[in-house]
Each structure stands twice: as structure tokens, then as C-alpha cells.
Protein backbone atom coordinates (compact mmCIF):
# COMPACT_ATOMS: atom_id res chain seq x y z
CA ALA A 1 13.73 -3.72 -16.23
CA LEU A 2 13.06 -0.85 -14.03
CA LYS A 3 9.08 -1.62 -13.78
CA LEU A 4 9.79 -5.24 -12.54
CA VAL A 5 12.36 -3.89 -9.89
CA ILE A 6 9.82 -0.75 -8.84
CA SER A 7 6.77 -3.86 -9.03
CA GLU A 8 9.07 -6.08 -6.60
CA CYS A 9 9.55 -2.96 -4.27
CA LYS A 10 6.81 -1.88 -1.90
CA PRO A 11 4.96 1.02 -3.14
CA LYS A 12 6.04 2.66 0.65
CA ALA A 13 9.45 2.10 -0.45
CA LYS A 14 11.90 5.04 -0.80
CA ILE A 15 13.22 6.19 -4.39
CA VAL A 16 16.59 5.58 -2.67
CA ASP A 17 15.70 1.59 -1.66
CA ILE A 18 14.11 1.64 -5.43
CA CYS A 19 17.50 2.90 -6.91
CA GLU A 20 19.55 0.43 -4.51
CA LYS A 21 17.80 -2.87 -5.31
CA GLY A 22 17.78 -1.74 -9.11
CA ASP A 23 21.91 -1.47 -8.75
CA ALA A 24 22.14 -4.47 -7.00
CA PHE A 25 19.41 -6.55 -9.95
CA ILE A 26 21.18 -4.93 -12.64
CA ARG A 27 24.84 -6.16 -11.25
CA GLU A 28 23.70 -9.20 -11.02
């Protein structure tokens, strides 16, 4: 699941953004 979130996030995105999107994806 984390790989999918990282793939969706841009490579330039910060780690914090990835964590925030990951939490939102898991919650949804």
C-alpha cells in the first residue's frame, strides 16, 4: 500500500507530504 502512495506522490514531494497523503489514503 505504501508503494502505491509513494508512486502517486511526486518524487520531489517531501517525506512529510508522503506521510500525510499516506494517512489520508489509509483513513479513506
